[in-house]
Amino acid sequence: MRRRGTSLEIPVRADPDWADSTAEVLRALADRTRLSMVAALRSAEQPVCICDFTVAYGLSQPTISHHMGKLRAVGLVDSRKQGIWIYYSLRTNLTPAVERLLEAVLREVPAARAR
């Protein structure tokens, strides 16, 4: 029976550093464009050029760069410059927890509807 003015101790099992880093990844994925970009990178057989993202999403290069910067900052994507173009790929050394998260979220990505 619960008494007014008392509380039970509950164990806080989540390491604060883990919670911070996981929240950062979740915040980055909470944007629909970034989530869609991660899905595209996960299914791509080779790195994707920024120019391909600008066409696919109908967004400017600075906007795509902004989104990719957020994904890069949380460690989800790698980039390499080749000439004037930047190519992006999903990192190959993601933590097992992030891999499981992406697998769960991206397991059944529905196809885009025609615009």
C-alpha atoms as a PDB file:
ATOM      1  CA  MET A   1       0.000   0.000   0.000  1.00  0.00           C
ATOM      2  CA  ARG A   2       1.318   3.418  -0.934  1.00  0.00           C
ATOM      3  CA  ARG A   3       1.582   6.125   1.729  1.00  0.00           C
ATOM      4  CA  ARG A   4       1.259   9.806   0.980  1.00  0.00           C
ATOM      5  CA  GLY A   5       4.602  11.635   1.219  1.00  0.00           C
ATOM      6  CA  THR A   6       6.786   8.568   0.753  1.00  0.00           C
ATOM      7  CA  SER A   7       8.554   7.231  -2.262  1.00  0.00           C
ATOM      8  CA  LEU A   8      10.191   3.984  -3.153  1.00  0.00           C
ATOM      9  CA  GLU A   9      13.798   3.806  -4.220  1.00  0.00           C
ATOM     10  CA  ILE A  10      14.125   2.625  -7.765  1.00  0.00           C
ATOM     11  CA  PRO A  11      17.436   1.616  -9.278  1.00  0.00           C
ATOM     12  CA  VAL A  12      18.710   3.931 -11.991  1.00  0.00           C
ATOM     13  CA  ARG A  13      20.524   1.480 -14.202  1.00  0.00           C
ATOM     14  CA  ALA A  14      21.214   3.688 -17.218  1.00  0.00           C
ATOM     15  CA  ASP A  15      24.713   5.102 -17.361  1.00  0.00           C
ATOM     16  CA  PRO A  16      24.425   8.876 -17.945  1.00  0.00           C
ATOM     17  CA  ASP A  17      27.029   8.819 -20.751  1.00  0.00           C
ATOM     18  CA  TRP A  18      25.137   6.041 -22.509  1.00  0.00           C
ATOM     19  CA  ALA A  19      21.862   7.931 -22.099  1.00  0.00           C
ATOM     20  CA  ASP A  20      23.421  11.117 -23.507  1.00  0.00           C
ATOM     21  CA  SER A  21      24.956   9.441 -26.565  1.00  0.00           C
ATOM     22  CA  THR A  22      21.831   7.401 -27.289  1.00  0.00           C
ATOM     23  CA  ALA A  23      19.636  10.494 -26.991  1.00  0.00           C
ATOM     24  CA  GLU A  24      21.919  12.307 -29.472  1.00  0.00           C
ATOM     25  CA  VAL A  25      21.476   9.521 -32.031  1.00  0.00           C
ATOM     26  CA  LEU A  26      17.723   9.457 -31.491  1.00  0.00           C
ATOM     27  CA  ARG A  27      17.509  13.253 -31.898  1.00  0.00           C
ATOM     28  CA  ALA A  28      19.426  13.026 -35.177  1.00  0.00           C
ATOM     29  CA  LEU A  29      17.085  10.309 -36.440  1.00  0.00           C
ATOM     30  CA  ALA A  30      13.961  12.162 -35.282  1.00  0.00           C
ATOM     31  CA  ASP A  31      14.038  14.346 -38.406  1.00  0.00           C
ATOM     32  CA  ARG A  32      12.169  12.760 -41.327  1.00  0.00           C
ATOM     33  CA  THR A  33      14.728  13.838 -43.940  1.00  0.00           C
ATOM     34  CA  ARG A  34      17.664  12.497 -41.931  1.00  0.00           C
ATOM     35  CA  LEU A  35      15.844   9.256 -41.156  1.00  0.00           C
ATOM     36  CA  SER A  36      15.083   8.811 -44.852  1.00  0.00           C
ATOM     37  CA  MET A  37      18.713   9.577 -45.743  1.00  0.00           C
ATOM     38  CA  VAL A  38      19.958   6.951 -43.295  1.00  0.00           C
ATOM     39  CA  ALA A  39      17.544   4.450 -44.850  1.00  0.00           C
ATOM     40  CA  ALA A  40      18.909   5.327 -48.302  1.00  0.00           C
ATOM     41  CA  LEU A  41      22.507   4.961 -47.138  1.00  0.00           C
ATOM     42  CA  ARG A  42      21.745   1.649 -45.429  1.00  0.00           C
ATOM     43  CA  SER A  43      20.395   0.194 -48.662  1.00  0.00           C
ATOM     44  CA  ALA A  44      23.004   1.782 -50.973  1.00  0.00           C
ATOM     45  CA  GLU A  45      25.650  -0.512 -52.385  1.00  0.00           C
ATOM     46  CA  GLN A  46      28.189   2.290 -52.629  1.00  0.00           C
ATOM     47  CA  PRO A  47      28.672   5.779 -51.133  1.00  0.00           C
ATOM     48  CA  VAL A  48      26.081   8.335 -52.217  1.00  0.00           C
ATOM     49  CA  CYS A  49      27.082  11.682 -53.697  1.00  0.00           C
ATOM     50  CA  ILE A  50      25.649  14.804 -52.120  1.00  0.00           C
ATOM     51  CA  CYS A  51      24.429  15.809 -55.574  1.00  0.00           C
ATOM     52  CA  ASP A  52      22.253  12.684 -55.694  1.00  0.00           C
ATOM     53  CA  PHE A  53      20.666  13.619 -52.373  1.00  0.00           C
ATOM     54  CA  THR A  54      19.910  17.148 -53.595  1.00  0.00           C
ATOM     55  CA  VAL A  55      18.011  15.761 -56.578  1.00  0.00           C
ATOM     56  CA  ALA A  56      16.280  12.962 -54.654  1.00  0.00           C
ATOM     57  CA  TYR A  57      15.048  15.244 -51.878  1.00  0.00           C
ATOM     58  CA  GLY A  58      14.603  18.448 -53.859  1.00  0.00           C
ATOM     59  CA  LEU A  59      16.721  20.294 -51.306  1.00  0.00           C
ATOM     60  CA  SER A  60      19.676  22.626 -51.707  1.00  0.00           C
ATOM     61  CA  GLN A  61      23.250  21.467 -51.206  1.00  0.00           C
ATOM     62  CA  PRO A  62      23.637  23.526 -47.992  1.00  0.00           C
ATOM     63  CA  THR A  63      20.490  21.917 -46.557  1.00  0.00           C
ATOM     64  CA  ILE A  64      21.714  18.415 -47.401  1.00  0.00           C
ATOM     65  CA  SER A  65      25.119  19.287 -45.912  1.00  0.00           C
ATOM     66  CA  HIS A  66      23.403  20.491 -42.737  1.00  0.00           C
ATOM     67  CA  HIS A  67      21.515  17.199 -42.377  1.00  0.00           C
ATOM     68  CA  MET A  68      24.619  15.137 -43.103  1.00  0.00           C
ATOM     69  CA  GLY A  69      26.589  17.209 -40.609  1.00  0.00           C
ATOM     70  CA  LYS A  70      24.100  16.245 -37.900  1.00  0.00           C
ATOM     71  CA  LEU A  71      24.359  12.564 -38.838  1.00  0.00           C
ATOM     72  CA  ARG A  72      28.146  12.751 -38.979  1.00  0.00           C
ATOM     73  CA  ALA A  73      28.297  14.499 -35.586  1.00  0.00           C
ATOM     74  CA  VAL A  74      26.562  11.569 -33.880  1.00  0.00           C
ATOM     75  CA  GLY A  75      28.747   9.045 -35.675  1.00  0.00           C
ATOM     76  CA  LEU A  76      26.202   7.543 -38.063  1.00  0.00           C
ATOM     77  CA  VAL A  77      27.807   8.484 -41.379  1.00  0.00           C
ATOM     78  CA  ASP A  78      31.240   8.846 -42.911  1.00  0.00           C
ATOM     79  CA  SER A  79      32.108  11.156 -45.756  1.00  0.00           C
ATOM     80  CA  ARG A  80      34.903  11.450 -48.258  1.00  0.00           C
ATOM     81  CA  LYS A  81      35.644  14.189 -50.710  1.00  0.00           C
ATOM     82  CA  GLN A  82      36.396  13.331 -54.305  1.00  0.00           C
ATOM     83  CA  GLY A  83      37.046  16.367 -56.460  1.00  0.00           C
ATOM     84  CA  ILE A  84      34.287  18.852 -55.733  1.00  0.00           C
ATOM     85  CA  TRP A  85      31.834  16.196 -54.542  1.00  0.00           C
ATOM     86  CA  ILE A  86      31.324  14.659 -51.128  1.00  0.00           C
ATOM     87  CA  TYR A  87      30.236  11.051 -50.888  1.00  0.00           C
ATOM     88  CA  TYR A  88      28.428   9.692 -47.839  1.00  0.00           C
ATOM     89  CA  SER A  89      28.075   6.203 -46.446  1.00  0.00           C
ATOM     90  CA  LEU A  90      26.720   4.659 -43.298  1.00  0.00           C
ATOM     91  CA  ARG A  91      29.586   3.934 -40.910  1.00  0.00           C
ATOM     92  CA  THR A  92      30.677   0.330 -40.889  1.00  0.00           C
ATOM     93  CA  ASN A  93      31.807   0.307 -37.254  1.00  0.00           C
ATOM     94  CA  LEU A  94      28.585   1.310 -35.527  1.00  0.00           C
ATOM     95  CA  THR A  95      28.107   0.035 -32.003  1.00  0.00           C
ATOM     96  CA  PRO A  96      25.978  -3.091 -31.681  1.00  0.00           C
ATOM     97  CA  ALA A  97      23.305  -1.047 -29.899  1.00  0.00           C
ATOM     98  CA  VAL A  98      23.096   1.472 -32.765  1.00  0.00           C
ATOM     99  CA  GLU A  99      23.059  -1.382 -35.306  1.00  0.00           C
ATOM    100  CA  ARG A 100      20.112  -2.963 -33.469  1.00  0.00           C
ATOM    101  CA  LEU A 101      18.345   0.397 -33.292  1.00  0.00           C
ATOM    102  CA  LEU A 102      18.741   0.974 -37.036  1.00  0.00           C
ATOM    103  CA  GLU A 103      17.644  -2.577 -37.773  1.00  0.00           C
ATOM    104  CA  ALA A 104      14.499  -2.118 -35.699  1.00  0.00           C
ATOM    105  CA  VAL A 105      13.642   1.277 -37.181  1.00  0.00           C
ATOM    106  CA  LEU A 106      14.542   0.490 -40.795  1.00  0.00           C
ATOM    107  CA  ARG A 107      13.377  -3.127 -40.969  1.00  0.00           C
ATOM    108  CA  GLU A 108      10.345  -2.361 -43.118  1.00  0.00           C
ATOM    109  CA  VAL A 109      10.807   1.001 -44.807  1.00  0.00           C
ATOM    110  CA  PRO A 110       7.790   1.614 -47.048  1.00  0.00           C
ATOM    111  CA  ALA A 111       8.452   2.882 -50.558  1.00  0.00           C
ATOM    112  CA  ALA A 112       8.013   6.575 -51.168  1.00  0.00           C
ATOM    113  CA  ARG A 113       4.781   7.698 -52.768  1.00  0.00           C
ATOM    114  CA  ALA A 114       4.932   9.642 -56.023  1.00  0.00           C
ATOM    115  CA  ARG A 115       5.056  13.389 -55.492  1.00  0.00           C
END
